[in-house]
N, C-alpha and C. Protein backbone atom coordinates (compact mmCIF):
# COMPACT_ATOMS: atom_id res chain seq x y z
N MET A 1 10.76 9.78 6.65
CA MET A 1 10.13 8.36 6.87
C MET A 1 8.83 8.31 6.04
N LYS A 2 8.45 7.46 5.05
CA LYS A 2 7.14 7.28 4.78
C LYS A 2 6.11 6.35 5.40
N THR A 3 5.13 6.71 5.41
CA THR A 3 4.12 6.12 6.08
C THR A 3 3.15 5.40 5.05
N VAL A 4 3.05 4.08 5.03
CA VAL A 4 2.21 3.13 4.12
C VAL A 4 1.19 2.15 4.63
N LYS A 5 0.05 2.75 4.04
CA LYS A 5 -1.02 1.64 4.77
C LYS A 5 -1.55 0.46 3.42
N VAL A 6 -1.43 -0.57 3.97
CA VAL A 6 -1.77 -1.40 2.92
C VAL A 6 -3.35 -2.02 3.79
N TYR A 7 -4.21 -1.93 2.34
CA TYR A 7 -5.77 -1.87 3.45
C TYR A 7 -6.12 -3.46 2.52
N GLY A 8 -7.26 -4.06 3.06
CA GLY A 8 -7.16 -5.72 2.57
C GLY A 8 -7.38 -6.69 3.78
N PRO A 9 -8.02 -7.72 3.37
CA PRO A 9 -8.35 -8.72 4.65
C PRO A 9 -7.19 -9.75 4.93
N GLY A 10 -6.45 -9.11 4.28
CA GLY A 10 -5.10 -10.17 4.34
C GLY A 10 -5.05 -11.37 3.20
N CYS A 11 -5.74 -11.06 2.42
CA CYS A 11 -5.52 -12.28 1.39
C CYS A 11 -4.35 -12.43 0.05
N LYS A 12 -3.71 -13.00 -0.32
CA LYS A 12 -2.65 -13.02 -1.07
C LYS A 12 -2.36 -12.28 -2.09
N ARG A 13 -2.87 -11.22 -2.81
CA ARG A 13 -2.80 -10.13 -3.42
C ARG A 13 -2.13 -8.65 -2.51
N CYS A 14 -3.07 -9.17 -1.27
CA CYS A 14 -2.62 -8.25 -0.31
C CYS A 14 -1.08 -8.21 0.13
N GLU A 15 -1.12 -9.31 0.76
CA GLU A 15 0.40 -9.81 1.01
C GLU A 15 1.51 -9.55 0.25
N THR A 16 1.17 -9.67 -1.13
CA THR A 16 2.04 -9.25 -1.85
C THR A 16 2.47 -7.78 -2.83
N THR A 17 1.19 -7.27 -1.93
CA THR A 17 1.41 -5.66 -2.35
C THR A 17 2.12 -5.09 -0.82
N GLU A 18 2.13 -5.82 -0.02
CA GLU A 18 3.41 -5.46 1.25
C GLU A 18 4.76 -5.77 0.47
N ALA A 19 4.69 -6.86 0.44
CA ALA A 19 5.97 -6.94 -0.40
C ALA A 19 6.57 -6.36 -1.06
N MET A 20 5.94 -6.30 -2.29
CA MET A 20 6.24 -5.00 -3.49
C MET A 20 6.84 -3.33 -2.81
N VAL A 21 6.09 -3.45 -1.54
CA VAL A 21 6.34 -1.63 -1.05
C VAL A 21 7.63 -1.96 -0.22
N ARG A 22 7.83 -3.37 0.33
CA ARG A 22 8.35 -3.49 1.25
C ARG A 22 9.99 -3.66 -0.07
N ASP A 23 10.08 -4.08 -1.17
CA ASP A 23 11.15 -4.55 -1.94
C ASP A 23 11.39 -2.96 -2.75
N ALA A 24 10.20 -2.17 -3.33
CA ALA A 24 10.53 -0.75 -3.80
C ALA A 24 11.26 -0.18 -3.08
N ALA A 25 11.20 0.32 -1.88
CA ALA A 25 11.74 1.00 -0.38
C ALA A 25 12.85 0.50 -0.56
N ALA A 26 13.58 -0.72 -0.33
CA ALA A 26 14.39 -1.20 -0.50
C ALA A 26 15.28 -0.87 -1.40
N ARG A 27 14.74 -1.10 -2.59
CA ARG A 27 16.15 -0.67 -3.89
C ARG A 27 15.80 0.91 -3.91
N LEU A 28 14.87 1.71 -3.38
CA LEU A 28 15.77 2.98 -3.34
C LEU A 28 15.44 3.77 -2.49
N GLY A 29 16.10 2.97 -0.86
CA GLY A 29 16.80 3.63 -0.01
C GLY A 29 15.83 4.60 0.54
N ILE A 30 14.95 4.32 0.84
CA ILE A 30 13.65 5.13 1.14
C ILE A 30 12.97 4.50 2.54
N GLU A 31 12.68 4.76 3.71
CA GLU A 31 13.06 4.13 5.11
C GLU A 31 11.40 4.28 5.05
N VAL A 32 10.44 2.50 5.06
CA VAL A 32 9.09 2.96 5.08
C VAL A 32 8.31 2.16 6.55
N GLU A 33 7.28 2.84 6.77
CA GLU A 33 7.07 2.22 8.24
C GLU A 33 5.54 1.76 7.18
N VAL A 34 5.15 0.66 7.25
CA VAL A 34 4.36 -0.54 6.40
C VAL A 34 3.32 -0.51 7.78
N GLU A 35 1.69 -0.68 7.47
CA GLU A 35 0.79 -0.70 8.23
C GLU A 35 -0.56 -1.56 7.58
N LYS A 36 -0.94 -2.60 8.20
CA LYS A 36 -2.06 -3.56 7.56
C LYS A 36 -3.17 -3.15 7.96
N VAL A 37 -4.11 -2.79 7.13
CA VAL A 37 -5.51 -2.72 7.83
C VAL A 37 -6.24 -3.59 7.10
N THR A 38 -6.62 -4.46 7.90
CA THR A 38 -7.58 -5.42 7.66
C THR A 38 -9.05 -5.45 8.54
N ASP A 39 -9.24 -4.37 8.86
CA ASP A 39 -10.66 -4.25 9.73
C ASP A 39 -11.76 -3.74 8.46
N ALA A 40 -12.96 -4.14 8.25
CA ALA A 40 -13.84 -4.06 7.00
C ALA A 40 -14.04 -2.53 7.21
N ARG A 41 -14.53 -2.01 8.51
CA ARG A 41 -14.94 -0.69 8.07
C ARG A 41 -13.74 0.37 7.86
N SER A 42 -12.71 0.21 8.66
CA SER A 42 -11.55 1.05 8.55
C SER A 42 -11.70 1.02 6.95
N ILE A 43 -11.02 -0.36 6.18
CA ILE A 43 -10.97 0.05 4.58
C ILE A 43 -12.63 0.68 3.93
N ALA A 44 -13.06 0.44 4.43
CA ALA A 44 -14.35 1.41 3.97
C ALA A 44 -13.98 2.47 4.27
N MET A 45 -13.95 3.10 5.46
CA MET A 45 -13.93 4.75 5.90
C MET A 45 -12.94 5.29 5.36
N ALA A 46 -11.68 4.35 4.65
CA ALA A 46 -10.69 4.97 3.55
C ALA A 46 -10.76 5.24 2.40
N GLY A 47 -12.07 5.14 1.96
CA GLY A 47 -12.66 5.29 0.48
C GLY A 47 -11.96 3.92 -0.25
N VAL A 48 -11.66 2.90 0.28
CA VAL A 48 -11.41 1.64 -0.49
C VAL A 48 -12.31 0.34 -0.79
N MET A 49 -12.72 0.82 -2.23
CA MET A 49 -13.63 -0.19 -2.82
C MET A 49 -13.80 -1.42 -3.46
N SER A 50 -12.54 -1.87 -3.65
CA SER A 50 -11.38 -3.06 -3.96
C SER A 50 -10.57 -3.17 -3.34
N THR A 51 -9.92 -4.20 -2.53
CA THR A 51 -8.71 -4.43 -2.38
C THR A 51 -7.67 -5.09 -3.35
N PRO A 52 -6.92 -5.21 -2.74
CA PRO A 52 -6.14 -4.56 -1.85
C PRO A 52 -5.56 -2.85 -2.28
N GLY A 53 -5.94 -1.58 -1.14
CA GLY A 53 -5.92 -0.61 -1.47
C GLY A 53 -4.49 -0.47 -0.81
N LEU A 54 -4.19 0.97 -1.01
CA LEU A 54 -2.52 1.54 -1.08
C LEU A 54 -2.90 3.27 -0.40
N SER A 55 -1.96 3.53 0.62
CA SER A 55 -1.78 5.10 0.97
C SER A 55 -0.97 4.84 1.13
N VAL A 56 -0.19 6.15 1.00
CA VAL A 56 1.00 6.60 1.47
C VAL A 56 0.99 8.27 1.71
N ASP A 57 1.74 8.07 3.19
CA ASP A 57 1.67 9.44 3.93
C ASP A 57 0.08 9.65 4.08
N GLY A 58 -0.92 9.25 3.74
CA GLY A 58 -2.33 9.68 4.15
C GLY A 58 -3.00 9.67 2.69
N LYS A 59 -2.28 9.50 2.04
CA LYS A 59 -3.36 9.80 0.09
C LYS A 59 -3.25 8.33 -0.17
N LEU A 60 -4.55 8.00 0.10
CA LEU A 60 -5.13 7.34 -1.10
C LEU A 60 -4.78 6.91 -2.69
N VAL A 61 -3.96 5.95 -3.11
CA VAL A 61 -3.17 6.13 -4.36
C VAL A 61 -3.40 4.86 -5.06
N HIS A 62 -4.40 4.01 -4.48
CA HIS A 62 -4.12 2.83 -5.43
C HIS A 62 -5.58 1.69 -4.63
N ALA A 63 -6.08 1.30 -5.19
CA ALA A 63 -7.15 0.82 -4.81
C ALA A 63 -7.53 -0.44 -6.14
N GLY A 64 -7.68 -2.47 -5.78
CA GLY A 64 -8.04 -2.80 -6.39
C GLY A 64 -6.99 -3.61 -7.19
N GLY A 65 -6.36 -4.65 -7.10
CA GLY A 65 -5.06 -5.64 -7.79
C GLY A 65 -4.09 -4.84 -7.28
N LEU A 66 -3.30 -5.86 -8.08
CA LEU A 66 -1.81 -5.30 -7.78
C LEU A 66 -1.14 -4.09 -8.13
N PRO A 67 -0.86 -3.01 -7.74
CA PRO A 67 0.11 -1.66 -8.25
C PRO A 67 0.99 -2.25 -8.94
N ASP A 68 0.71 -1.38 -10.08
CA ASP A 68 2.40 -0.98 -10.98
C ASP A 68 3.33 -1.02 -10.12
N ALA A 69 4.25 -1.31 -10.34
CA ALA A 69 6.00 -1.62 -10.50
C ALA A 69 6.35 -0.21 -10.14
N GLY A 70 6.25 0.01 -11.35
CA GLY A 70 6.74 1.39 -11.75
C GLY A 70 6.13 3.10 -11.28
N LYS A 71 4.90 2.63 -10.64
CA LYS A 71 4.05 3.41 -10.18
C LYS A 71 4.11 3.77 -8.93
N LEU A 72 4.37 2.43 -8.44
CA LEU A 72 4.54 2.27 -6.80
C LEU A 72 6.00 3.05 -6.12
N GLU A 73 6.78 2.61 -7.30
CA GLU A 73 8.35 3.31 -6.87
C GLU A 73 8.10 5.15 -7.06
N GLY A 74 6.98 5.53 -8.02
CA GLY A 74 6.65 6.80 -8.02
C GLY A 74 6.56 7.65 -7.00
N TRP A 75 5.04 6.60 -6.33
CA TRP A 75 4.76 7.69 -5.20
C TRP A 75 5.65 6.94 -4.07
N LEU A 76 6.14 6.33 -4.09
CA LEU A 76 7.31 6.35 -2.79
C LEU A 76 8.35 7.39 -2.91
N SER A 77 8.83 8.09 -3.95
CA SER A 77 9.85 8.78 -4.24
C SER A 77 9.06 9.81 -3.82
N ALA A 78 7.77 9.98 -4.49
CA ALA A 78 7.44 11.72 -4.05
C ALA A 78 7.30 11.67 -2.72
């Protein structure tokens, strides 16, 4: 199971990023545990300077704007 964290204040882009993660995982047949991190201090401590941010298994893989769908599948598959 992959652990995915979506960093952001809960804006529309953050919600869309979470939905993209769940959809990509379903397409790939990968179980994911998605955690939403909305606390500004926790977001900054994770190194996210622009939201939404995304980490997979503890590694920050994306920050700022919606992630590319192809890259997202790659991060989840790795």
